[in-house]
């Protein structure tokens, strides 16, 4: 599993617990490569399935994941990669349901850049049929979003698997904000999707 990770390679507890549960259910090892950590050294395996648990096709998906795949191949592993999580239709459908249920504005962590990521986010905005903004645009919005106020910008659906600076910032201004894996339905769906992988 490829995850973004926090500083120093830390994998958030909620995500590590999910991956431990997946490994136990599948009866097979699950290794986690945080992109903020040193490269893992894996034992010899006849085949590996590379699963990027990343939500947008940013530079990690376009550059880091292919480089990781090539490094593993160079080490003699057979590697089959699946698309990044944010491209999986059941996941996108779930985000649409969750955003509609919460009547939320979806917030992504990174600025909306032109190119592939921007096109992806435009398509996602249409699919979930809710406003979508970048976390860098929150500076002017958050002061308006105090709890118990009727503000057109809230509530927020943070497009982050685990808690991070963005979810903390949103949570301080709007108490209903949580990372995706803090929603029981999101956690269960991701668990089901991962155990159903080949």
N, C-alpha and C. Protein backbone atom coordinates (compact mmCIF):
# COMPACT_ATOMS: atom_id res chain seq x y z
N UNK A 1 0.85 -1.17 0.00
CA UNK A 1 0.00 0.00 0.00
C UNK A 1 0.89 1.23 0.00
N UNK A 2 0.59 2.17 -0.85
CA UNK A 2 1.32 3.43 -0.90
C UNK A 2 0.44 4.50 -0.29
N UNK A 3 0.93 5.17 0.74
CA UNK A 3 0.19 6.24 1.40
C UNK A 3 1.06 7.48 1.44
N UNK A 4 0.43 8.62 1.63
CA UNK A 4 1.22 9.84 1.71
C UNK A 4 2.07 9.84 2.97
N UNK A 5 1.45 9.61 4.11
CA UNK A 5 2.17 9.62 5.39
C UNK A 5 2.39 11.03 5.90
N UNK A 6 2.68 11.10 7.20
CA UNK A 6 3.00 12.37 7.83
C UNK A 6 4.52 12.52 7.88
N UNK A 7 4.97 13.64 8.39
CA UNK A 7 6.40 13.92 8.50
C UNK A 7 7.12 12.76 9.20
N UNK A 8 8.29 12.43 8.68
CA UNK A 8 9.08 11.37 9.26
C UNK A 8 8.59 9.97 8.92
N UNK A 9 7.67 9.87 7.97
CA UNK A 9 7.18 8.56 7.56
C UNK A 9 6.08 7.98 8.42
N UNK A 10 5.54 8.77 9.33
CA UNK A 10 4.49 8.29 10.22
C UNK A 10 3.22 7.98 9.42
N UNK A 11 2.68 6.80 9.64
CA UNK A 11 1.40 6.42 9.03
C UNK A 11 0.33 6.64 10.09
N UNK A 12 -0.70 7.44 9.80
CA UNK A 12 -1.74 7.70 10.80
C UNK A 12 -2.33 6.41 11.36
N UNK A 13 -2.61 6.41 12.64
CA UNK A 13 -3.08 5.22 13.33
C UNK A 13 -4.34 4.65 12.71
N UNK A 14 -5.29 5.51 12.32
CA UNK A 14 -6.55 5.03 11.76
C UNK A 14 -6.29 4.28 10.45
N UNK A 15 -5.33 4.73 9.68
CA UNK A 15 -4.99 4.07 8.42
C UNK A 15 -4.22 2.78 8.67
N UNK A 16 -3.26 2.80 9.59
CA UNK A 16 -2.49 1.60 9.89
C UNK A 16 -3.39 0.50 10.45
N UNK A 17 -4.35 0.89 11.30
CA UNK A 17 -5.30 -0.10 11.86
C UNK A 17 -6.11 -0.74 10.74
N UNK A 18 -6.57 0.06 9.80
CA UNK A 18 -7.32 -0.47 8.66
C UNK A 18 -6.47 -1.46 7.87
N UNK A 19 -5.23 -1.10 7.60
CA UNK A 19 -4.36 -1.98 6.81
C UNK A 19 -4.01 -3.25 7.59
N UNK A 20 -3.86 -3.15 8.90
CA UNK A 20 -3.64 -4.35 9.72
C UNK A 20 -4.86 -5.28 9.63
N UNK A 21 -6.05 -4.70 9.66
CA UNK A 21 -7.27 -5.50 9.55
C UNK A 21 -7.37 -6.17 8.18
N UNK A 22 -6.97 -5.45 7.14
CA UNK A 22 -6.96 -6.02 5.79
C UNK A 22 -6.00 -7.21 5.73
N UNK A 23 -4.80 -7.05 6.28
CA UNK A 23 -3.81 -8.13 6.27
C UNK A 23 -4.35 -9.35 7.02
N UNK A 24 -4.98 -9.13 8.17
CA UNK A 24 -5.51 -10.23 8.95
C UNK A 24 -6.62 -10.95 8.19
N UNK A 25 -7.49 -10.18 7.55
CA UNK A 25 -8.61 -10.78 6.83
C UNK A 25 -8.14 -11.55 5.60
N UNK A 26 -7.15 -10.99 4.90
CA UNK A 26 -6.65 -11.65 3.68
C UNK A 26 -5.68 -12.79 4.01
N UNK A 27 -5.15 -12.80 5.22
CA UNK A 27 -4.19 -13.82 5.57
C UNK A 27 -2.91 -13.70 4.77
N UNK A 28 -2.54 -12.47 4.45
CA UNK A 28 -1.34 -12.21 3.64
C UNK A 28 -0.71 -10.92 4.14
N UNK A 29 0.60 -10.79 3.99
CA UNK A 29 1.24 -9.56 4.45
C UNK A 29 0.81 -8.34 3.63
N UNK A 30 0.69 -7.23 4.31
CA UNK A 30 0.43 -5.94 3.67
C UNK A 30 1.54 -5.00 4.13
N UNK A 31 2.34 -4.54 3.21
CA UNK A 31 3.40 -3.59 3.53
C UNK A 31 2.92 -2.20 3.18
N UNK A 32 3.31 -1.24 4.00
CA UNK A 32 2.89 0.14 3.80
C UNK A 32 4.11 1.00 3.51
N UNK A 33 4.11 1.64 2.34
CA UNK A 33 5.17 2.57 1.97
C UNK A 33 4.62 3.98 2.07
N UNK A 34 5.04 4.71 3.10
CA UNK A 34 4.69 6.13 3.20
C UNK A 34 5.64 6.90 2.30
N UNK A 35 5.12 7.83 1.54
CA UNK A 35 5.96 8.61 0.64
C UNK A 35 6.86 9.58 1.40
N UNK A 36 6.60 9.75 2.68
CA UNK A 36 7.43 10.61 3.52
C UNK A 36 8.49 9.81 4.26
N UNK A 37 8.59 8.52 3.97
CA UNK A 37 9.54 7.63 4.68
C UNK A 37 10.61 7.13 3.72
N UNK A 38 11.64 6.55 4.31
CA UNK A 38 12.67 5.88 3.50
C UNK A 38 12.02 4.70 2.78
N UNK A 39 12.62 4.30 1.68
CA UNK A 39 12.09 3.19 0.89
C UNK A 39 12.14 1.89 1.69
N UNK A 40 11.07 1.12 1.61
CA UNK A 40 11.02 -0.18 2.27
C UNK A 40 11.92 -1.18 1.56
N UNK A 41 12.48 -2.08 2.33
CA UNK A 41 13.16 -3.24 1.76
C UNK A 41 12.26 -4.44 2.03
N UNK A 42 11.76 -5.03 0.96
CA UNK A 42 10.80 -6.11 1.10
C UNK A 42 11.47 -7.46 0.92
N UNK A 43 10.94 -8.48 1.60
CA UNK A 43 11.47 -9.83 1.38
C UNK A 43 11.12 -10.29 -0.03
N UNK A 44 11.82 -11.29 -0.54
CA UNK A 44 11.51 -11.78 -1.89
C UNK A 44 10.05 -12.23 -1.98
N UNK A 45 9.40 -11.81 -3.03
CA UNK A 45 8.00 -12.18 -3.28
C UNK A 45 7.85 -12.50 -4.76
N UNK A 46 7.07 -13.51 -5.09
CA UNK A 46 6.87 -13.78 -6.51
C UNK A 46 6.09 -12.67 -7.21
N UNK A 47 5.20 -12.03 -6.47
CA UNK A 47 4.39 -10.97 -7.08
C UNK A 47 3.91 -10.02 -5.99
N UNK A 48 3.87 -8.75 -6.34
CA UNK A 48 3.35 -7.72 -5.45
C UNK A 48 2.22 -6.98 -6.16
N UNK A 49 1.23 -6.57 -5.39
CA UNK A 49 0.17 -5.71 -5.89
C UNK A 49 0.42 -4.33 -5.29
N UNK A 50 0.64 -3.34 -6.12
CA UNK A 50 0.93 -1.98 -5.68
C UNK A 50 -0.36 -1.18 -5.69
N UNK A 51 -0.77 -0.71 -4.50
CA UNK A 51 -2.06 -0.04 -4.34
C UNK A 51 -1.84 1.37 -3.81
N UNK A 52 -1.96 2.38 -4.66
CA UNK A 52 -1.79 3.76 -4.20
C UNK A 52 -3.06 4.28 -3.51
N UNK A 53 -3.00 4.42 -2.19
CA UNK A 53 -4.14 4.96 -1.44
C UNK A 53 -4.04 6.49 -1.44
N UNK A 54 -4.11 7.04 -2.62
CA UNK A 54 -4.00 8.47 -2.86
C UNK A 54 -5.28 8.93 -3.55
N UNK A 55 -5.71 10.15 -3.24
CA UNK A 55 -7.05 10.58 -3.66
C UNK A 55 -7.09 11.40 -4.94
N UNK A 56 -5.98 11.97 -5.34
CA UNK A 56 -5.97 12.78 -6.57
C UNK A 56 -4.74 12.42 -7.40
N UNK A 57 -4.79 12.69 -8.70
CA UNK A 57 -3.65 12.37 -9.56
C UNK A 57 -2.60 13.48 -9.57
N UNK A 58 -2.11 13.81 -8.39
CA UNK A 58 -1.06 14.81 -8.27
C UNK A 58 0.30 14.21 -8.58
N UNK A 59 1.35 14.91 -8.19
CA UNK A 59 2.71 14.46 -8.53
C UNK A 59 3.06 13.14 -7.87
N UNK A 60 2.47 12.82 -6.72
CA UNK A 60 2.75 11.53 -6.09
C UNK A 60 2.27 10.39 -6.99
N UNK A 61 1.07 10.54 -7.54
CA UNK A 61 0.52 9.50 -8.40
C UNK A 61 1.28 9.45 -9.73
N UNK A 62 1.59 10.62 -10.28
CA UNK A 62 2.19 10.66 -11.61
C UNK A 62 3.68 10.36 -11.61
N UNK A 63 4.38 10.65 -10.51
CA UNK A 63 5.84 10.48 -10.49
C UNK A 63 6.32 9.47 -9.44
N UNK A 64 5.89 9.65 -8.19
CA UNK A 64 6.42 8.82 -7.11
C UNK A 64 5.98 7.36 -7.21
N UNK A 65 4.72 7.12 -7.56
CA UNK A 65 4.24 5.75 -7.65
C UNK A 65 4.92 4.99 -8.80
N UNK A 66 5.02 5.57 -10.01
CA UNK A 66 5.76 4.86 -11.06
C UNK A 66 7.23 4.62 -10.69
N UNK A 67 7.86 5.56 -10.00
CA UNK A 67 9.26 5.37 -9.58
C UNK A 67 9.35 4.23 -8.56
N UNK A 68 8.40 4.15 -7.65
CA UNK A 68 8.38 3.06 -6.68
C UNK A 68 8.17 1.73 -7.39
N UNK A 69 7.26 1.70 -8.34
CA UNK A 69 7.03 0.46 -9.10
C UNK A 69 8.31 0.01 -9.81
N UNK A 70 9.00 0.96 -10.43
CA UNK A 70 10.24 0.60 -11.14
C UNK A 70 11.31 0.12 -10.17
N UNK A 71 11.41 0.76 -9.01
CA UNK A 71 12.41 0.34 -8.01
C UNK A 71 12.15 -1.08 -7.56
N UNK A 72 10.88 -1.41 -7.32
CA UNK A 72 10.53 -2.77 -6.91
C UNK A 72 10.84 -3.79 -8.02
N UNK A 73 10.56 -3.39 -9.26
CA UNK A 73 10.89 -4.28 -10.38
C UNK A 73 12.40 -4.48 -10.49
N UNK A 74 13.15 -3.39 -10.29
CA UNK A 74 14.61 -3.49 -10.35
C UNK A 74 15.16 -4.41 -9.26
N UNK A 75 14.41 -4.53 -8.15
CA UNK A 75 14.82 -5.42 -7.07
C UNK A 75 14.38 -6.86 -7.31
N UNK A 76 13.75 -7.11 -8.44
CA UNK A 76 13.37 -8.46 -8.80
C UNK A 76 11.95 -8.86 -8.46
N UNK A 77 11.15 -7.91 -8.00
CA UNK A 77 9.75 -8.22 -7.69
C UNK A 77 8.91 -8.15 -8.96
N UNK A 78 7.96 -9.06 -9.06
CA UNK A 78 6.91 -8.88 -10.05
C UNK A 78 5.90 -7.90 -9.47
N UNK A 79 5.58 -6.86 -10.21
CA UNK A 79 4.71 -5.81 -9.66
C UNK A 79 3.54 -5.56 -10.60
N UNK A 80 2.36 -5.64 -10.02
CA UNK A 80 1.15 -5.23 -10.73
C UNK A 80 0.58 -4.05 -9.96
N UNK A 81 0.33 -2.96 -10.66
CA UNK A 81 -0.19 -1.75 -10.00
C UNK A 81 -1.67 -1.57 -10.37
N UNK A 82 -2.41 -1.06 -9.41
CA UNK A 82 -3.80 -0.66 -9.67
C UNK A 82 -3.86 0.87 -9.66
N UNK A 83 -4.89 1.45 -10.25
CA UNK A 83 -5.01 2.91 -10.24
C UNK A 83 -5.11 3.46 -8.81
N UNK A 84 -4.85 4.75 -8.68
CA UNK A 84 -4.95 5.39 -7.37
C UNK A 84 -6.40 5.35 -6.88
N UNK A 85 -6.57 5.33 -5.56
CA UNK A 85 -7.89 5.16 -4.94
C UNK A 85 -8.93 6.15 -5.47
N UNK A 86 -8.54 7.39 -5.67
CA UNK A 86 -9.49 8.41 -6.12
C UNK A 86 -10.07 8.16 -7.49
N UNK A 87 -9.56 7.17 -8.23
CA UNK A 87 -10.08 6.83 -9.55
C UNK A 87 -11.03 5.64 -9.51
N UNK A 88 -11.19 5.02 -8.35
CA UNK A 88 -12.04 3.83 -8.25
C UNK A 88 -13.51 4.25 -8.24
N UNK A 89 -14.32 3.78 -9.19
CA UNK A 89 -15.73 4.18 -9.24
C UNK A 89 -16.51 3.98 -7.94
N UNK A 90 -16.35 2.86 -7.21
CA UNK A 90 -17.12 2.75 -5.95
C UNK A 90 -16.73 3.83 -4.93
N UNK A 91 -15.45 4.21 -4.93
CA UNK A 91 -14.99 5.26 -4.00
C UNK A 91 -15.59 6.60 -4.39
N UNK A 92 -15.58 6.91 -5.68
CA UNK A 92 -16.15 8.18 -6.15
C UNK A 92 -17.64 8.22 -5.84
N UNK A 93 -18.35 7.11 -6.07
CA UNK A 93 -19.78 7.06 -5.75
C UNK A 93 -20.02 7.29 -4.26
N UNK A 94 -19.14 6.73 -3.44
CA UNK A 94 -19.26 6.93 -2.00
C UNK A 94 -19.06 8.41 -1.63
N UNK A 95 -18.06 9.04 -2.23
CA UNK A 95 -17.83 10.46 -1.95
C UNK A 95 -19.06 11.29 -2.33
N UNK A 96 -19.68 10.94 -3.46
CA UNK A 96 -20.88 11.65 -3.88
C UNK A 96 -21.98 11.49 -2.83
N UNK A 97 -22.20 10.26 -2.37
CA UNK A 97 -23.24 10.02 -1.37
C UNK A 97 -22.95 10.75 -0.07
N UNK A 98 -21.69 10.70 0.36
CA UNK A 98 -21.31 11.34 1.62
C UNK A 98 -21.46 12.86 1.52
N UNK A 99 -21.00 13.44 0.42
CA UNK A 99 -21.11 14.89 0.25
C UNK A 99 -22.56 15.33 0.18
N UNK A 100 -23.40 14.54 -0.51
CA UNK A 100 -24.82 14.89 -0.60
C UNK A 100 -25.50 14.75 0.77
N UNK A 101 -25.17 13.69 1.48
CA UNK A 101 -25.77 13.45 2.80
C UNK A 101 -25.42 14.59 3.76
N UNK A 102 -24.17 15.02 3.73
CA UNK A 102 -23.72 16.08 4.63
C UNK A 102 -24.06 17.47 4.11
N UNK A 103 -24.51 17.55 2.86
CA UNK A 103 -24.69 18.83 2.17
C UNK A 103 -23.43 19.67 2.32
N UNK A 104 -22.30 19.03 1.99
CA UNK A 104 -20.99 19.60 2.30
C UNK A 104 -20.31 20.18 1.09
N UNK A 105 -19.42 21.11 1.37
CA UNK A 105 -18.44 21.59 0.41
C UNK A 105 -17.23 20.67 0.55
N UNK A 106 -16.77 20.08 -0.53
CA UNK A 106 -15.60 19.22 -0.48
C UNK A 106 -14.34 20.09 -0.53
N UNK A 107 -13.37 19.74 0.30
CA UNK A 107 -12.12 20.50 0.37
C UNK A 107 -10.96 19.56 0.10
N UNK A 108 -10.10 19.94 -0.85
CA UNK A 108 -8.89 19.17 -1.12
C UNK A 108 -7.70 19.89 -0.50
N UNK A 109 -6.69 19.10 -0.13
CA UNK A 109 -5.55 19.65 0.61
C UNK A 109 -4.68 20.56 -0.23
N UNK A 110 -4.39 20.16 -1.44
CA UNK A 110 -3.44 20.91 -2.26
C UNK A 110 -4.15 21.94 -3.12
N UNK A 111 -3.44 22.98 -3.52
CA UNK A 111 -4.03 23.95 -4.45
C UNK A 111 -4.46 23.26 -5.74
N UNK A 112 -5.50 23.79 -6.34
CA UNK A 112 -5.96 23.26 -7.62
C UNK A 112 -5.03 23.77 -8.71
N UNK A 113 -4.26 22.87 -9.30
CA UNK A 113 -3.30 23.24 -10.33
C UNK A 113 -3.85 22.89 -11.70
N UNK A 114 -3.37 23.61 -12.71
CA UNK A 114 -3.81 23.29 -14.06
C UNK A 114 -3.20 21.96 -14.49
N UNK A 115 -3.83 21.32 -15.44
CA UNK A 115 -3.33 20.04 -15.93
C UNK A 115 -4.21 18.90 -15.49
N UNK A 116 -3.61 17.72 -15.41
CA UNK A 116 -4.36 16.50 -15.12
C UNK A 116 -5.11 16.58 -13.79
N UNK A 117 -4.45 17.03 -12.72
CA UNK A 117 -5.10 17.09 -11.41
C UNK A 117 -6.29 18.04 -11.44
N UNK A 118 -6.13 19.16 -12.11
CA UNK A 118 -7.20 20.14 -12.22
C UNK A 118 -8.39 19.55 -12.98
N UNK A 119 -8.11 18.84 -14.07
CA UNK A 119 -9.19 18.21 -14.84
C UNK A 119 -9.89 17.13 -14.02
N UNK A 120 -9.10 16.37 -13.26
CA UNK A 120 -9.69 15.35 -12.39
C UNK A 120 -10.64 16.00 -11.37
N UNK A 121 -10.17 17.07 -10.74
CA UNK A 121 -11.00 17.73 -9.71
C UNK A 121 -12.24 18.37 -10.32
N UNK A 122 -12.13 18.87 -11.55
CA UNK A 122 -13.32 19.41 -12.23
C UNK A 122 -14.33 18.30 -12.46
N UNK A 123 -13.85 17.13 -12.90
CA UNK A 123 -14.74 15.99 -13.12
C UNK A 123 -15.33 15.52 -11.79
N UNK A 124 -14.51 15.49 -10.73
CA UNK A 124 -15.01 15.07 -9.42
C UNK A 124 -16.10 16.03 -8.92
N UNK A 125 -15.88 17.33 -9.11
CA UNK A 125 -16.88 18.32 -8.70
C UNK A 125 -18.22 18.03 -9.38
N UNK A 126 -18.18 17.73 -10.69
CA UNK A 126 -19.41 17.43 -11.41
C UNK A 126 -20.04 16.13 -10.92
N UNK A 127 -19.20 15.14 -10.63
CA UNK A 127 -19.71 13.83 -10.21
C UNK A 127 -20.37 13.90 -8.84
N UNK A 128 -19.72 14.57 -7.89
CA UNK A 128 -20.31 14.61 -6.54
C UNK A 128 -21.39 15.68 -6.45
N UNK A 129 -21.44 16.57 -7.46
CA UNK A 129 -22.48 17.60 -7.54
C UNK A 129 -22.53 18.48 -6.29
N UNK A 130 -21.35 18.80 -5.79
CA UNK A 130 -21.20 19.71 -4.66
C UNK A 130 -20.03 20.62 -4.95
N UNK A 131 -19.98 21.80 -4.35
CA UNK A 131 -18.81 22.67 -4.53
C UNK A 131 -17.55 21.99 -4.04
N UNK A 132 -16.44 22.30 -4.68
CA UNK A 132 -15.15 21.74 -4.29
C UNK A 132 -14.14 22.88 -4.30
N UNK A 133 -13.44 23.06 -3.18
CA UNK A 133 -12.46 24.13 -3.09
C UNK A 133 -11.13 23.57 -2.59
N UNK A 134 -10.09 24.34 -2.81
CA UNK A 134 -8.76 23.95 -2.36
C UNK A 134 -8.51 24.54 -0.97
N UNK A 135 -7.75 23.80 -0.17
CA UNK A 135 -7.46 24.24 1.19
C UNK A 135 -6.76 25.60 1.21
N UNK A 136 -6.02 25.93 0.15
CA UNK A 136 -5.35 27.23 0.13
C UNK A 136 -6.33 28.38 0.01
N UNK A 137 -7.58 28.09 -0.34
CA UNK A 137 -8.61 29.13 -0.44
C UNK A 137 -9.35 29.33 0.88
N UNK A 138 -9.00 28.57 1.90
CA UNK A 138 -9.76 28.61 3.15
C UNK A 138 -9.45 29.82 4.01
N UNK A 139 -8.33 30.46 3.80
CA UNK A 139 -7.94 31.57 4.68
C UNK A 139 -9.04 32.61 4.80
N UNK A 140 -9.63 32.98 3.70
CA UNK A 140 -10.69 33.98 3.74
C UNK A 140 -12.04 33.43 4.11
N UNK A 141 -12.19 32.11 4.08
CA UNK A 141 -13.48 31.49 4.34
C UNK A 141 -13.65 31.11 5.80
N UNK A 142 -12.60 30.53 6.40
CA UNK A 142 -12.73 29.99 7.76
C UNK A 142 -13.25 30.98 8.79
N UNK A 143 -12.84 32.25 8.77
CA UNK A 143 -13.40 33.16 9.78
C UNK A 143 -14.91 33.28 9.70
N UNK A 144 -15.48 32.99 8.53
CA UNK A 144 -16.93 33.07 8.36
C UNK A 144 -17.65 31.82 8.85
N UNK A 145 -16.90 30.75 9.06
CA UNK A 145 -17.50 29.43 9.28
C UNK A 145 -17.46 29.01 10.74
N UNK A 146 -17.95 29.82 11.59
CA UNK A 146 -18.02 29.45 13.00
C UNK A 146 -19.22 28.53 13.23
N UNK A 147 -19.12 27.60 14.17
CA UNK A 147 -20.26 26.72 14.43
C UNK A 147 -21.52 27.51 14.73
N UNK A 148 -22.65 26.93 14.38
CA UNK A 148 -23.97 27.50 14.63
C UNK A 148 -24.23 28.79 13.86
N UNK A 149 -23.50 28.99 12.78
CA UNK A 149 -23.80 30.14 11.93
C UNK A 149 -24.33 29.62 10.61
N UNK A 150 -25.22 30.36 10.02
CA UNK A 150 -25.76 29.97 8.72
C UNK A 150 -24.82 30.52 7.66
N UNK A 151 -23.88 29.74 7.25
CA UNK A 151 -22.90 30.18 6.27
C UNK A 151 -22.96 29.28 5.05
N UNK A 152 -22.89 29.87 3.88
CA UNK A 152 -23.04 29.10 2.65
C UNK A 152 -21.86 28.20 2.38
N UNK A 153 -20.75 28.34 3.10
CA UNK A 153 -19.57 27.54 2.82
C UNK A 153 -19.51 26.23 3.58
N UNK A 154 -20.22 26.09 4.68
CA UNK A 154 -20.10 24.88 5.48
C UNK A 154 -21.33 24.02 5.36
N UNK A 155 -21.31 22.79 5.83
CA UNK A 155 -20.17 22.08 6.39
C UNK A 155 -19.17 21.65 5.32
N UNK A 156 -18.05 21.12 5.79
CA UNK A 156 -16.99 20.71 4.88
C UNK A 156 -16.81 19.20 4.91
N UNK A 157 -16.47 18.65 3.76
CA UNK A 157 -16.05 17.27 3.64
C UNK A 157 -14.57 17.31 3.24
N UNK A 158 -13.71 16.99 4.17
CA UNK A 158 -12.27 17.03 3.91
C UNK A 158 -11.87 15.80 3.11
N UNK A 159 -11.33 16.00 1.93
CA UNK A 159 -10.89 14.88 1.10
C UNK A 159 -9.48 14.47 1.53
N UNK A 160 -9.42 13.87 2.70
CA UNK A 160 -8.18 13.34 3.29
C UNK A 160 -8.55 12.04 3.98
N UNK A 161 -7.77 10.99 3.75
CA UNK A 161 -8.08 9.71 4.39
C UNK A 161 -7.99 9.80 5.90
N UNK A 162 -6.92 10.42 6.39
CA UNK A 162 -6.68 10.51 7.83
C UNK A 162 -6.51 11.97 8.23
N UNK A 163 -6.64 12.22 9.52
CA UNK A 163 -6.49 13.58 10.02
C UNK A 163 -5.13 14.15 9.64
N UNK A 164 -5.13 15.42 9.28
CA UNK A 164 -3.91 16.13 8.94
C UNK A 164 -4.10 17.61 9.30
N UNK A 165 -3.18 18.47 8.88
CA UNK A 165 -3.30 19.89 9.23
C UNK A 165 -4.59 20.49 8.69
N UNK A 166 -4.99 20.09 7.48
CA UNK A 166 -6.20 20.63 6.90
C UNK A 166 -7.43 20.26 7.73
N UNK A 167 -7.54 18.99 8.13
CA UNK A 167 -8.71 18.60 8.91
C UNK A 167 -8.70 19.26 10.28
N UNK A 168 -7.51 19.46 10.84
CA UNK A 168 -7.43 20.15 12.14
C UNK A 168 -7.89 21.59 11.99
N UNK A 169 -7.47 22.26 10.93
CA UNK A 169 -7.85 23.64 10.69
C UNK A 169 -9.36 23.75 10.48
N UNK A 170 -9.90 22.86 9.67
CA UNK A 170 -11.34 22.87 9.43
C UNK A 170 -12.11 22.53 10.70
N UNK A 171 -11.61 21.53 11.44
CA UNK A 171 -12.29 21.12 12.66
C UNK A 171 -12.32 22.22 13.71
N UNK A 172 -11.29 23.05 13.76
CA UNK A 172 -11.26 24.15 14.72
C UNK A 172 -12.31 25.20 14.37
N UNK A 173 -12.59 25.35 13.07
CA UNK A 173 -13.55 26.36 12.65
C UNK A 173 -14.95 25.81 12.49
N UNK A 174 -15.03 24.52 12.19
CA UNK A 174 -16.34 23.91 11.97
C UNK A 174 -16.32 22.53 12.58
N UNK A 175 -16.99 22.34 13.67
CA UNK A 175 -16.82 21.16 14.51
C UNK A 175 -17.21 19.85 13.85
N UNK A 176 -17.98 19.86 12.77
CA UNK A 176 -18.41 18.61 12.15
C UNK A 176 -17.42 18.02 11.17
N UNK A 177 -16.28 18.64 10.97
CA UNK A 177 -15.34 18.18 9.96
C UNK A 177 -14.53 17.00 10.47
N UNK A 178 -14.39 15.98 9.63
CA UNK A 178 -13.60 14.81 9.98
C UNK A 178 -12.91 14.29 8.73
N UNK A 179 -11.82 13.56 8.92
CA UNK A 179 -11.17 12.88 7.80
C UNK A 179 -12.07 11.73 7.34
N UNK A 180 -11.84 11.28 6.13
CA UNK A 180 -12.74 10.27 5.55
C UNK A 180 -12.78 8.98 6.37
N UNK A 181 -11.63 8.50 6.85
CA UNK A 181 -11.63 7.24 7.60
C UNK A 181 -12.20 7.40 9.00
N UNK A 182 -12.55 8.61 9.39
CA UNK A 182 -13.25 8.83 10.65
C UNK A 182 -14.76 8.67 10.47
N UNK A 183 -15.20 8.51 9.22
CA UNK A 183 -16.59 8.17 8.91
C UNK A 183 -16.64 6.65 8.81
N UNK A 184 -17.48 6.01 9.61
CA UNK A 184 -17.54 4.54 9.64
C UNK A 184 -17.83 3.96 8.26
N UNK A 185 -18.70 4.60 7.50
CA UNK A 185 -19.07 4.07 6.18
C UNK A 185 -17.88 4.12 5.23
N UNK A 186 -17.07 5.17 5.32
CA UNK A 186 -15.89 5.27 4.45
C UNK A 186 -14.87 4.21 4.81
N UNK A 187 -14.67 4.02 6.09
CA UNK A 187 -13.71 3.01 6.53
C UNK A 187 -14.15 1.63 6.08
N UNK A 188 -15.43 1.31 6.25
CA UNK A 188 -15.94 -0.02 5.87
C UNK A 188 -15.83 -0.22 4.36
N UNK A 189 -16.16 0.80 3.58
CA UNK A 189 -16.06 0.67 2.13
C UNK A 189 -14.62 0.41 1.71
N UNK A 190 -13.68 1.19 2.24
CA UNK A 190 -12.29 0.99 1.85
C UNK A 190 -11.81 -0.40 2.27
N UNK A 191 -12.18 -0.83 3.45
CA UNK A 191 -11.84 -2.19 3.89
C UNK A 191 -12.35 -3.22 2.90
N UNK A 192 -13.63 -3.09 2.50
CA UNK A 192 -14.23 -4.04 1.57
C UNK A 192 -13.51 -4.01 0.21
N UNK A 193 -13.20 -2.81 -0.26
CA UNK A 193 -12.52 -2.70 -1.55
C UNK A 193 -11.14 -3.36 -1.50
N UNK A 194 -10.43 -3.17 -0.39
CA UNK A 194 -9.08 -3.72 -0.29
C UNK A 194 -9.07 -5.23 -0.13
N UNK A 195 -10.03 -5.76 0.60
CA UNK A 195 -10.02 -7.22 0.74
C UNK A 195 -10.50 -7.90 -0.54
N UNK A 196 -11.20 -7.17 -1.42
CA UNK A 196 -11.66 -7.75 -2.67
C UNK A 196 -10.62 -7.65 -3.79
N UNK A 197 -9.51 -6.99 -3.54
CA UNK A 197 -8.46 -6.92 -4.57
C UNK A 197 -7.93 -8.31 -4.85
N UNK A 198 -7.41 -8.53 -6.07
CA UNK A 198 -6.88 -9.87 -6.37
C UNK A 198 -5.67 -10.21 -5.53
